[in-house]
Amino acid sequence: MEAINQFAPFILIFAVMYFFMIRPSMKKQKQEKKFAQELKKGDRVITKSGLHGKIVDLNNDNTCVIETMAGKMKFERSALSLELSQKLNAPAAPVKEKK
């Protein structure tokens, strides 16, 4: 019984680490993988380095060609930012009027 009481803080610390660090990281990886698989021609994207462009070609080797104002560039699908592209494609929130 005393052994359980001695290890309880370690078990609690591991549980907290799992729910606040490990689990969200795994969830984000799943979302990024799903995002990369669902890309299609014509999608407007932003790379993780901040480059804006439109997808003009998707290759089978996990790369894509993005057309920017500077021309066409080849990127890895994993280099595209999930968060920013979702913000661009999300519908605008209605503005509440003040009375």
N, C-alpha and C. Protein backbone atom coordinates (compact mmCIF):
# COMPACT_ATOMS: atom_id res chain seq x y z
N MET A 1 0.83 -1.20 0.00
CA MET A 1 0.00 0.00 0.00
C MET A 1 0.87 1.26 0.00
N GLU A 2 1.96 1.21 0.77
CA GLU A 2 2.84 2.38 0.82
C GLU A 2 3.56 2.59 -0.50
N ALA A 3 3.81 1.51 -1.23
CA ALA A 3 4.48 1.63 -2.53
C ALA A 3 3.61 2.41 -3.51
N ILE A 4 2.32 2.19 -3.47
CA ILE A 4 1.40 2.92 -4.34
C ILE A 4 1.41 4.41 -3.98
N ASN A 5 1.43 4.70 -2.70
CA ASN A 5 1.46 6.10 -2.27
C ASN A 5 2.76 6.79 -2.68
N GLN A 6 3.85 6.04 -2.74
CA GLN A 6 5.13 6.63 -3.13
C GLN A 6 5.17 6.92 -4.63
N PHE A 7 4.52 6.08 -5.43
CA PHE A 7 4.54 6.25 -6.88
C PHE A 7 3.38 7.10 -7.41
N ALA A 8 2.43 7.43 -6.57
CA ALA A 8 1.27 8.21 -7.00
C ALA A 8 1.65 9.55 -7.61
N PRO A 9 2.59 10.32 -7.04
CA PRO A 9 2.97 11.59 -7.67
C PRO A 9 3.57 11.40 -9.07
N PHE A 10 4.35 10.34 -9.27
CA PHE A 10 4.93 10.08 -10.59
C PHE A 10 3.86 9.71 -11.60
N ILE A 11 2.90 8.92 -11.18
CA ILE A 11 1.80 8.54 -12.05
C ILE A 11 0.98 9.78 -12.41
N LEU A 12 0.75 10.64 -11.44
CA LEU A 12 0.00 11.87 -11.68
C LEU A 12 0.75 12.80 -12.64
N ILE A 13 2.05 12.93 -12.47
CA ILE A 13 2.86 13.77 -13.36
C ILE A 13 2.81 13.22 -14.78
N PHE A 14 2.94 11.91 -14.95
CA PHE A 14 2.87 11.31 -16.28
C PHE A 14 1.50 11.54 -16.92
N ALA A 15 0.43 11.40 -16.13
CA ALA A 15 -0.91 11.61 -16.67
C ALA A 15 -1.09 13.06 -17.13
N VAL A 16 -0.60 14.01 -16.35
CA VAL A 16 -0.70 15.42 -16.72
C VAL A 16 0.11 15.68 -17.99
N MET A 17 1.33 15.14 -18.06
CA MET A 17 2.16 15.31 -19.26
C MET A 17 1.47 14.73 -20.49
N TYR A 18 0.84 13.58 -20.33
CA TYR A 18 0.16 12.94 -21.46
C TYR A 18 -0.96 13.82 -21.98
N PHE A 19 -1.81 14.32 -21.08
CA PHE A 19 -2.98 15.08 -21.51
C PHE A 19 -2.64 16.50 -21.97
N PHE A 20 -1.55 17.08 -21.50
CA PHE A 20 -1.22 18.45 -21.88
C PHE A 20 -0.11 18.55 -22.93
N MET A 21 0.66 17.49 -23.14
CA MET A 21 1.77 17.58 -24.09
C MET A 21 1.72 16.52 -25.18
N ILE A 22 1.65 15.28 -24.82
CA ILE A 22 1.76 14.19 -25.78
C ILE A 22 0.50 14.07 -26.64
N ARG A 23 -0.66 14.06 -26.02
CA ARG A 23 -1.92 13.87 -26.75
C ARG A 23 -2.19 15.00 -27.74
N PRO A 24 -2.05 16.28 -27.34
CA PRO A 24 -2.27 17.35 -28.33
C PRO A 24 -1.29 17.29 -29.51
N SER A 25 -0.06 16.89 -29.24
CA SER A 25 0.93 16.78 -30.30
C SER A 25 0.53 15.69 -31.29
N MET A 26 0.08 14.56 -30.80
CA MET A 26 -0.35 13.47 -31.67
C MET A 26 -1.58 13.88 -32.48
N LYS A 27 -2.49 14.63 -31.85
CA LYS A 27 -3.69 15.09 -32.53
C LYS A 27 -3.33 16.06 -33.66
N LYS A 28 -2.37 16.95 -33.41
CA LYS A 28 -1.95 17.91 -34.42
C LYS A 28 -1.28 17.19 -35.60
N GLN A 29 -0.47 16.17 -35.31
CA GLN A 29 0.17 15.40 -36.38
C GLN A 29 -0.87 14.74 -37.27
N LYS A 30 -1.93 14.19 -36.67
CA LYS A 30 -3.00 13.57 -37.44
C LYS A 30 -3.68 14.59 -38.34
N GLN A 31 -3.95 15.79 -37.80
CA GLN A 31 -4.61 16.83 -38.58
C GLN A 31 -3.73 17.26 -39.75
N GLU A 32 -2.43 17.41 -39.52
CA GLU A 32 -1.52 17.83 -40.59
C GLU A 32 -1.44 16.76 -41.69
N LYS A 33 -1.42 15.50 -41.29
CA LYS A 33 -1.38 14.41 -42.28
C LYS A 33 -2.66 14.39 -43.11
N LYS A 34 -3.80 14.57 -42.45
CA LYS A 34 -5.08 14.59 -43.14
C LYS A 34 -5.13 15.78 -44.10
N PHE A 35 -4.66 16.93 -43.66
CA PHE A 35 -4.63 18.14 -44.48
C PHE A 35 -3.79 17.91 -45.74
N ALA A 36 -2.61 17.30 -45.58
CA ALA A 36 -1.72 17.06 -46.72
C ALA A 36 -2.35 16.10 -47.72
N GLN A 37 -3.12 15.13 -47.24
CA GLN A 37 -3.76 14.16 -48.13
C GLN A 37 -4.96 14.76 -48.86
N GLU A 38 -5.62 15.76 -48.27
CA GLU A 38 -6.82 16.33 -48.86
C GLU A 38 -6.55 17.53 -49.77
N LEU A 39 -5.29 17.86 -49.99
CA LEU A 39 -4.96 18.98 -50.87
C LEU A 39 -5.42 18.68 -52.29
N LYS A 40 -5.83 19.72 -52.99
CA LYS A 40 -6.24 19.55 -54.38
C LYS A 40 -5.80 20.77 -55.18
N LYS A 41 -5.79 20.62 -56.48
CA LYS A 41 -5.39 21.72 -57.36
C LYS A 41 -6.32 22.90 -57.15
N GLY A 42 -5.74 24.09 -57.14
CA GLY A 42 -6.53 25.30 -56.99
C GLY A 42 -6.63 25.80 -55.56
N ASP A 43 -6.24 24.98 -54.58
CA ASP A 43 -6.27 25.41 -53.18
C ASP A 43 -5.27 26.54 -52.97
N ARG A 44 -5.70 27.57 -52.26
CA ARG A 44 -4.79 28.65 -51.89
C ARG A 44 -4.19 28.28 -50.54
N VAL A 45 -2.87 28.29 -50.48
CA VAL A 45 -2.19 27.85 -49.27
C VAL A 45 -1.11 28.86 -48.87
N ILE A 46 -0.66 28.70 -47.64
CA ILE A 46 0.47 29.46 -47.13
C ILE A 46 1.45 28.44 -46.56
N THR A 47 2.71 28.56 -46.95
CA THR A 47 3.71 27.64 -46.44
C THR A 47 4.06 28.02 -45.01
N LYS A 48 4.74 27.13 -44.32
CA LYS A 48 5.15 27.40 -42.94
C LYS A 48 6.13 28.56 -42.86
N SER A 49 6.79 28.86 -43.97
CA SER A 49 7.71 30.00 -44.00
C SER A 49 7.00 31.29 -44.38
N GLY A 50 5.70 31.23 -44.69
CA GLY A 50 4.91 32.43 -44.96
C GLY A 50 4.71 32.78 -46.41
N LEU A 51 5.05 31.89 -47.32
CA LEU A 51 4.89 32.13 -48.75
C LEU A 51 3.46 31.80 -49.17
N HIS A 52 2.78 32.76 -49.82
CA HIS A 52 1.41 32.57 -50.28
C HIS A 52 1.42 32.05 -51.71
N GLY A 53 0.49 31.17 -52.02
CA GLY A 53 0.42 30.67 -53.38
C GLY A 53 -0.79 29.80 -53.61
N LYS A 54 -0.89 29.30 -54.84
CA LYS A 54 -1.99 28.43 -55.25
C LYS A 54 -1.40 27.14 -55.80
N ILE A 55 -1.97 26.01 -55.40
CA ILE A 55 -1.47 24.71 -55.85
C ILE A 55 -1.85 24.51 -57.32
N VAL A 56 -0.85 24.22 -58.15
CA VAL A 56 -1.11 23.98 -59.57
C VAL A 56 -0.85 22.53 -59.96
N ASP A 57 -0.10 21.79 -59.14
CA ASP A 57 0.18 20.39 -59.46
C ASP A 57 0.50 19.63 -58.19
N LEU A 58 -0.05 18.42 -58.08
CA LEU A 58 0.23 17.53 -56.95
C LEU A 58 0.94 16.29 -57.49
N ASN A 59 2.07 15.94 -56.91
CA ASN A 59 2.83 14.78 -57.35
C ASN A 59 2.64 13.62 -56.38
N ASN A 60 2.90 12.42 -56.84
CA ASN A 60 2.74 11.22 -56.01
C ASN A 60 3.83 11.08 -54.96
N ASP A 61 4.93 11.81 -55.09
CA ASP A 61 6.04 11.68 -54.15
C ASP A 61 5.95 12.69 -53.01
N ASN A 62 4.73 13.05 -52.58
CA ASN A 62 4.48 13.97 -51.47
C ASN A 62 5.02 15.37 -51.72
N THR A 63 5.07 15.77 -52.98
CA THR A 63 5.46 17.14 -53.30
C THR A 63 4.32 17.79 -54.06
N CYS A 64 4.36 19.12 -54.12
CA CYS A 64 3.37 19.86 -54.89
C CYS A 64 4.04 21.09 -55.48
N VAL A 65 3.48 21.58 -56.55
CA VAL A 65 3.98 22.78 -57.20
C VAL A 65 3.02 23.91 -56.86
N ILE A 66 3.59 25.00 -56.34
CA ILE A 66 2.80 26.15 -55.94
C ILE A 66 3.15 27.33 -56.84
N GLU A 67 2.12 27.98 -57.35
CA GLU A 67 2.33 29.17 -58.17
C GLU A 67 2.24 30.40 -57.28
N THR A 68 3.29 31.20 -57.27
CA THR A 68 3.33 32.43 -56.50
C THR A 68 3.56 33.59 -57.46
N MET A 69 3.64 34.78 -56.93
CA MET A 69 3.90 35.93 -57.78
C MET A 69 5.32 35.87 -58.35
N ALA A 70 6.20 35.11 -57.70
CA ALA A 70 7.58 34.97 -58.17
C ALA A 70 7.72 33.85 -59.20
N GLY A 71 6.69 33.07 -59.39
CA GLY A 71 6.74 31.96 -60.33
C GLY A 71 6.29 30.68 -59.66
N LYS A 72 6.60 29.55 -60.30
CA LYS A 72 6.21 28.25 -59.76
C LYS A 72 7.36 27.68 -58.94
N MET A 73 6.99 27.11 -57.77
CA MET A 73 7.97 26.52 -56.87
C MET A 73 7.48 25.16 -56.40
N LYS A 74 8.42 24.25 -56.19
CA LYS A 74 8.09 22.90 -55.73
C LYS A 74 8.33 22.81 -54.23
N PHE A 75 7.35 22.30 -53.49
CA PHE A 75 7.42 22.17 -52.03
C PHE A 75 7.01 20.77 -51.61
N GLU A 76 7.48 20.37 -50.47
CA GLU A 76 6.96 19.17 -49.81
C GLU A 76 5.57 19.50 -49.28
N ARG A 77 4.68 18.54 -49.29
CA ARG A 77 3.34 18.80 -48.75
C ARG A 77 3.39 19.13 -47.26
N SER A 78 4.36 18.59 -46.56
CA SER A 78 4.48 18.85 -45.13
C SER A 78 4.92 20.28 -44.84
N ALA A 79 5.39 21.01 -45.85
CA ALA A 79 5.82 22.40 -45.67
C ALA A 79 4.66 23.38 -45.73
N LEU A 80 3.46 22.89 -46.00
CA LEU A 80 2.29 23.76 -46.06
C LEU A 80 1.70 23.89 -44.67
N SER A 81 1.26 25.09 -44.35
CA SER A 81 0.75 25.36 -43.01
C SER A 81 -0.72 25.02 -42.91
N LEU A 82 -1.04 24.21 -41.97
CA LEU A 82 -2.42 23.80 -41.75
C LEU A 82 -3.26 24.93 -41.19
N GLU A 83 -2.74 25.63 -40.19
CA GLU A 83 -3.52 26.63 -39.48
C GLU A 83 -3.91 27.80 -40.39
N LEU A 84 -2.96 28.33 -41.13
CA LEU A 84 -3.24 29.51 -41.95
C LEU A 84 -4.16 29.20 -43.11
N SER A 85 -4.02 28.03 -43.71
CA SER A 85 -4.88 27.73 -44.85
C SER A 85 -6.31 27.51 -44.39
N GLN A 86 -6.51 26.97 -43.21
CA GLN A 86 -7.87 26.81 -42.70
C GLN A 86 -8.49 28.17 -42.40
N LYS A 87 -7.70 29.11 -41.92
CA LYS A 87 -8.22 30.44 -41.64
C LYS A 87 -8.65 31.12 -42.93
N LEU A 88 -7.90 30.90 -44.02
CA LEU A 88 -8.26 31.51 -45.29
C LEU A 88 -9.55 30.92 -45.85
N ASN A 89 -9.78 29.64 -45.66
CA ASN A 89 -10.93 28.97 -46.24
C ASN A 89 -12.15 28.98 -45.32
N ALA A 90 -11.98 29.40 -44.06
CA ALA A 90 -13.09 29.40 -43.11
C ALA A 90 -14.06 30.53 -43.44
N PRO A 91 -15.35 30.30 -43.26
CA PRO A 91 -16.31 31.37 -43.50
C PRO A 91 -16.13 32.47 -42.46
N ALA A 92 -16.40 33.68 -42.86
CA ALA A 92 -16.25 34.80 -41.95
C ALA A 92 -17.32 34.75 -40.87
N ALA A 93 -16.93 35.11 -39.67
CA ALA A 93 -17.88 35.14 -38.56
C ALA A 93 -18.74 36.39 -38.70
N PRO A 94 -20.03 36.26 -38.45
CA PRO A 94 -20.90 37.43 -38.56
C PRO A 94 -20.54 38.48 -37.50
N VAL A 95 -20.63 39.73 -37.89
CA VAL A 95 -20.31 40.82 -36.98
C VAL A 95 -21.56 41.19 -36.20
N LYS A 96 -21.41 41.24 -34.88
CA LYS A 96 -22.54 41.60 -34.03
C LYS A 96 -22.64 43.12 -33.94
N GLU A 97 -23.85 43.60 -34.10
CA GLU A 97 -24.05 45.04 -34.02
C GLU A 97 -24.25 45.46 -32.57
N LYS A 98 -23.66 46.59 -32.21
CA LYS A 98 -23.84 47.13 -30.86
C LYS A 98 -25.07 48.00 -30.82
N LYS A 99 -25.77 47.90 -29.73
CA LYS A 99 -27.01 48.69 -29.60
C LYS A 99 -26.75 49.99 -28.88
